[in-house]
C-alpha atoms as a PDB file:
ATOM      1  CA  MET A   1      -0.865  21.498 -15.124  1.00  0.00           C
ATOM      2  CA  ASP A   2      -3.733  21.790 -12.591  1.00  0.00           C
ATOM      3  CA  GLU A   3      -4.599  18.100 -13.052  1.00  0.00           C
ATOM      4  CA  ILE A   4      -1.127  17.034 -11.909  1.00  0.00           C
ATOM      5  CA  GLN A   5      -1.631  18.797  -8.576  1.00  0.00           C
ATOM      6  CA  LEU A   6      -4.839  16.816  -7.970  1.00  0.00           C
ATOM      7  CA  ILE A   7      -3.038  13.463  -8.136  1.00  0.00           C
ATOM      8  CA  ALA A   8      -2.343  12.029  -4.706  1.00  0.00           C
ATOM      9  CA  PRO A   9       1.335  11.360  -4.014  1.00  0.00           C
ATOM     10  CA  LEU A  10       2.451   7.746  -3.906  1.00  0.00           C
ATOM     11  CA  TRP A  11       3.038   6.210  -0.502  1.00  0.00           C
ATOM     12  CA  THR A  12       6.308   4.666   0.629  1.00  0.00           C
ATOM     13  CA  VAL A  13       6.556   1.362   2.476  1.00  0.00           C
ATOM     14  CA  GLN A  14       6.897   3.349   5.691  1.00  0.00           C
ATOM     15  CA  ASP A  15       3.730   5.345   4.904  1.00  0.00           C
ATOM     16  CA  VAL A  16       1.702   2.179   4.327  1.00  0.00           C
ATOM     17  CA  ALA A  17       3.111   0.508   7.443  1.00  0.00           C
ATOM     18  CA  GLU A  18       2.055   3.516   9.527  1.00  0.00           C
ATOM     19  CA  TYR A  19      -1.389   3.614   7.900  1.00  0.00           C
ATOM     20  CA  LEU A  20      -2.008  -0.105   8.498  1.00  0.00           C
ATOM     21  CA  ARG A  21      -0.159  -0.082  11.839  1.00  0.00           C
ATOM     22  CA  VAL A  22       2.025  -3.038  10.899  1.00  0.00           C
ATOM     23  CA  PRO A  23       5.824  -3.352  10.842  1.00  0.00           C
ATOM     24  CA  VAL A  24       7.598  -2.503   7.593  1.00  0.00           C
ATOM     25  CA  GLN A  25       8.963  -6.050   7.489  1.00  0.00           C
ATOM     26  CA  THR A  26       5.385  -7.358   7.408  1.00  0.00           C
ATOM     27  CA  LEU A  27       4.771  -5.514   4.143  1.00  0.00           C
ATOM     28  CA  TYR A  28       7.911  -7.007   2.626  1.00  0.00           C
ATOM     29  CA  SER A  29       6.849 -10.486   3.790  1.00  0.00           C
ATOM     30  CA  TRP A  30       3.333 -10.012   2.410  1.00  0.00           C
ATOM     31  CA  ARG A  31       4.770  -8.929  -0.928  1.00  0.00           C
ATOM     32  CA  GLN A  32       6.897 -12.082  -1.169  1.00  0.00           C
ATOM     33  CA  THR A  33       3.864 -14.297  -0.548  1.00  0.00           C
ATOM     34  CA  GLY A  34       1.543 -12.401  -2.897  1.00  0.00           C
ATOM     35  CA  TYR A  35      -0.540 -10.974  -0.073  1.00  0.00           C
ATOM     36  CA  GLY A  36      -1.011  -7.354   0.900  1.00  0.00           C
ATOM     37  CA  PRO A  37      -1.881  -4.223  -1.017  1.00  0.00           C
ATOM     38  CA  PRO A  38      -0.595  -3.936  -4.576  1.00  0.00           C
ATOM     39  CA  CYS A  39       2.563  -1.944  -5.041  1.00  0.00           C
ATOM     40  CA  ARG A  40       4.808  -0.899  -7.883  1.00  0.00           C
ATOM     41  CA  ARG A  41       8.531  -0.655  -8.190  1.00  0.00           C
ATOM     42  CA  VAL A  42       9.742   2.808  -9.122  1.00  0.00           C
ATOM     43  CA  GLY A  43      13.425   2.391  -9.757  1.00  0.00           C
ATOM     44  CA  LYS A  44      14.648   0.537  -6.686  1.00  0.00           C
ATOM     45  CA  HIS A  45      11.810   1.772  -4.469  1.00  0.00           C
ATOM     46  CA  LEU A  46       8.382   0.299  -3.767  1.00  0.00           C
ATOM     47  CA  ARG A  47       5.476   2.711  -4.040  1.00  0.00           C
ATOM     48  CA  TYR A  48       1.789   2.338  -3.252  1.00  0.00           C
ATOM     49  CA  ARG A  49      -1.228   4.217  -4.541  1.00  0.00           C
ATOM     50  CA  PRO A  50      -3.327   5.311  -1.551  1.00  0.00           C
ATOM     51  CA  THR A  51      -6.511   4.240  -3.356  1.00  0.00           C
ATOM     52  CA  ASP A  52      -5.077   0.740  -3.950  1.00  0.00           C
ATOM     53  CA  VAL A  53      -4.247   0.379  -0.255  1.00  0.00           C
ATOM     54  CA  ALA A  54      -7.716   1.558   0.801  1.00  0.00           C
ATOM     55  CA  THR A  55      -9.421  -0.766  -1.699  1.00  0.00           C
ATOM     56  CA  TRP A  56      -7.323  -3.723  -0.541  1.00  0.00           C
ATOM     57  CA  LEU A  57      -8.190  -2.955   3.076  1.00  0.00           C
ATOM     58  CA  ASP A  58     -11.914  -2.600   2.303  1.00  0.00           C
ATOM     59  CA  ASN A  59     -11.917  -5.986   0.543  1.00  0.00           C
ATOM     60  CA  LEU A  60     -10.360  -7.893   3.446  1.00  0.00           C
ATOM     61  CA  ASP A  61     -12.484 -10.525   5.154  1.00  0.00           C
ATOM     62  CA  ASP A  62     -13.075  -9.302   8.699  1.00  0.00           C
ATOM     63  CA  GLY A  63     -12.483 -12.829  10.011  1.00  0.00           C
ATOM     64  CA  VAL A  64     -15.577 -12.805  12.214  1.00  0.00           C
ATOM     65  CA  ALA A  65     -17.485 -16.097  12.212  1.00  0.00           C
END
């Protein structure tokens, strides 16, 4: 039972949008094009693992030439 409490809660689309400071619609658009952090459908809701979002963000090219 103690192990369950150590698991981070899943993030909602709104949580990820706030974390990345992008509009919610941007996340939906990214998902349709195969871009953006990985997410999973839980019932009719999209959910993100915080570690997946952080890993995706860390792996982004910074775009500096």
